[in-house]
Amino acid sequence: MPGPTELLILLVIFALVFGTKKLRGMGGDLGSAIKSFKSALKDDDKQDESNKGNDESEK
């Protein structure tokens, strides 16, 4: 597991290679992707619960 010094060096290298604007954009894209993934999981759980209730009422 890299320590804080190694992480700082990697961050500086990424900033030099990609540039700060591109890193900021990639971070925003990653955040929105995670947010939509979590909301899709919640929606799927709600569907499973509603389907479970319908299955039990049919019996």
C-alpha atoms as a PDB file:
ATOM      1  CA  MET A   1       0.000   0.000   0.000  1.00  0.00           C
ATOM      2  CA  PRO A   2       1.556   3.295  -1.061  1.00  0.00           C
ATOM      3  CA  GLY A   3       2.098   5.908   1.588  1.00  0.00           C
ATOM      4  CA  PRO A   4       1.117   9.575   1.416  1.00  0.00           C
ATOM      5  CA  THR A   5       4.397  10.605  -0.194  1.00  0.00           C
ATOM      6  CA  GLU A   6       3.984   8.142  -3.050  1.00  0.00           C
ATOM      7  CA  LEU A   7       0.373   9.221  -3.578  1.00  0.00           C
ATOM      8  CA  LEU A   8       1.442  12.865  -3.751  1.00  0.00           C
ATOM      9  CA  ILE A   9       4.121  12.043  -6.328  1.00  0.00           C
ATOM     10  CA  LEU A  10       1.568  10.115  -8.420  1.00  0.00           C
ATOM     11  CA  LEU A  11      -0.875  13.030  -8.226  1.00  0.00           C
ATOM     12  CA  VAL A  12       1.797  15.451  -9.476  1.00  0.00           C
ATOM     13  CA  ILE A  13       2.703  13.106 -12.340  1.00  0.00           C
ATOM     14  CA  PHE A  14      -0.964  12.734 -13.344  1.00  0.00           C
ATOM     15  CA  ALA A  15      -1.393  16.518 -13.231  1.00  0.00           C
ATOM     16  CA  LEU A  16       1.628  16.980 -15.487  1.00  0.00           C
ATOM     17  CA  VAL A  17       0.555  14.311 -17.963  1.00  0.00           C
ATOM     18  CA  PHE A  18      -3.173  15.040 -18.213  1.00  0.00           C
ATOM     19  CA  GLY A  19      -3.429  18.649 -17.072  1.00  0.00           C
ATOM     20  CA  THR A  20      -5.624  19.929 -14.275  1.00  0.00           C
ATOM     21  CA  LYS A  21      -8.647  20.726 -16.477  1.00  0.00           C
ATOM     22  CA  LYS A  22      -8.786  17.226 -17.912  1.00  0.00           C
ATOM     23  CA  LEU A  23      -8.344  15.661 -14.444  1.00  0.00           C
ATOM     24  CA  ARG A  24     -11.163  17.830 -13.101  1.00  0.00           C
ATOM     25  CA  GLY A  25     -13.399  16.733 -15.976  1.00  0.00           C
ATOM     26  CA  MET A  26     -12.542  13.070 -15.485  1.00  0.00           C
ATOM     27  CA  GLY A  27     -13.298  13.394 -11.767  1.00  0.00           C
ATOM     28  CA  GLY A  28     -16.677  14.938 -12.502  1.00  0.00           C
ATOM     29  CA  ASP A  29     -17.494  12.219 -15.014  1.00  0.00           C
ATOM     30  CA  LEU A  30     -16.507   9.535 -12.538  1.00  0.00           C
ATOM     31  CA  GLY A  31     -18.640  11.124  -9.816  1.00  0.00           C
ATOM     32  CA  SER A  32     -21.716  11.314 -12.035  1.00  0.00           C
ATOM     33  CA  ALA A  33     -21.213   7.713 -13.147  1.00  0.00           C
ATOM     34  CA  ILE A  34     -21.056   6.528  -9.539  1.00  0.00           C
ATOM     35  CA  LYS A  35     -24.144   8.586  -8.668  1.00  0.00           C
ATOM     36  CA  SER A  36     -26.188   7.103 -11.521  1.00  0.00           C
ATOM     37  CA  PHE A  37     -24.982   3.595 -10.654  1.00  0.00           C
ATOM     38  CA  LYS A  38     -26.118   3.990  -7.045  1.00  0.00           C
ATOM     39  CA  SER A  39     -29.513   5.358  -8.090  1.00  0.00           C
ATOM     40  CA  ALA A  40     -29.953   2.444 -10.506  1.00  0.00           C
ATOM     41  CA  LEU A  41     -29.223   0.002  -7.681  1.00  0.00           C
ATOM     42  CA  LYS A  42     -31.806   1.699  -5.460  1.00  0.00           C
ATOM     43  CA  ASP A  43     -34.408   1.612  -8.244  1.00  0.00           C
ATOM     44  CA  ASP A  44     -33.688  -2.067  -8.836  1.00  0.00           C
ATOM     45  CA  ASP A  45     -34.142  -2.817  -5.123  1.00  0.00           C
ATOM     46  CA  LYS A  46     -37.492  -0.993  -5.135  1.00  0.00           C
ATOM     47  CA  GLN A  47     -38.613  -3.029  -8.159  1.00  0.00           C
ATOM     48  CA  ASP A  48     -37.610  -6.269  -6.467  1.00  0.00           C
ATOM     49  CA  GLU A  49     -39.596  -5.350  -3.359  1.00  0.00           C
ATOM     50  CA  SER A  50     -42.688  -4.443  -5.381  1.00  0.00           C
ATOM     51  CA  ASN A  51     -42.423  -7.645  -7.428  1.00  0.00           C
ATOM     52  CA  LYS A  52     -42.013  -9.653  -4.243  1.00  0.00           C
ATOM     53  CA  GLY A  53     -45.238  -8.161  -2.872  1.00  0.00           C
ATOM     54  CA  ASN A  54     -47.114  -8.981  -6.078  1.00  0.00           C
ATOM     55  CA  ASP A  55     -45.866 -12.568  -6.062  1.00  0.00           C
ATOM     56  CA  GLU A  56     -47.042 -13.111  -2.488  1.00  0.00           C
ATOM     57  CA  SER A  57     -50.493 -11.635  -3.147  1.00  0.00           C
ATOM     58  CA  GLU A  58     -51.027 -13.995  -6.097  1.00  0.00           C
ATOM     59  CA  LYS A  59     -50.591 -17.104  -3.930  1.00  0.00           C
END
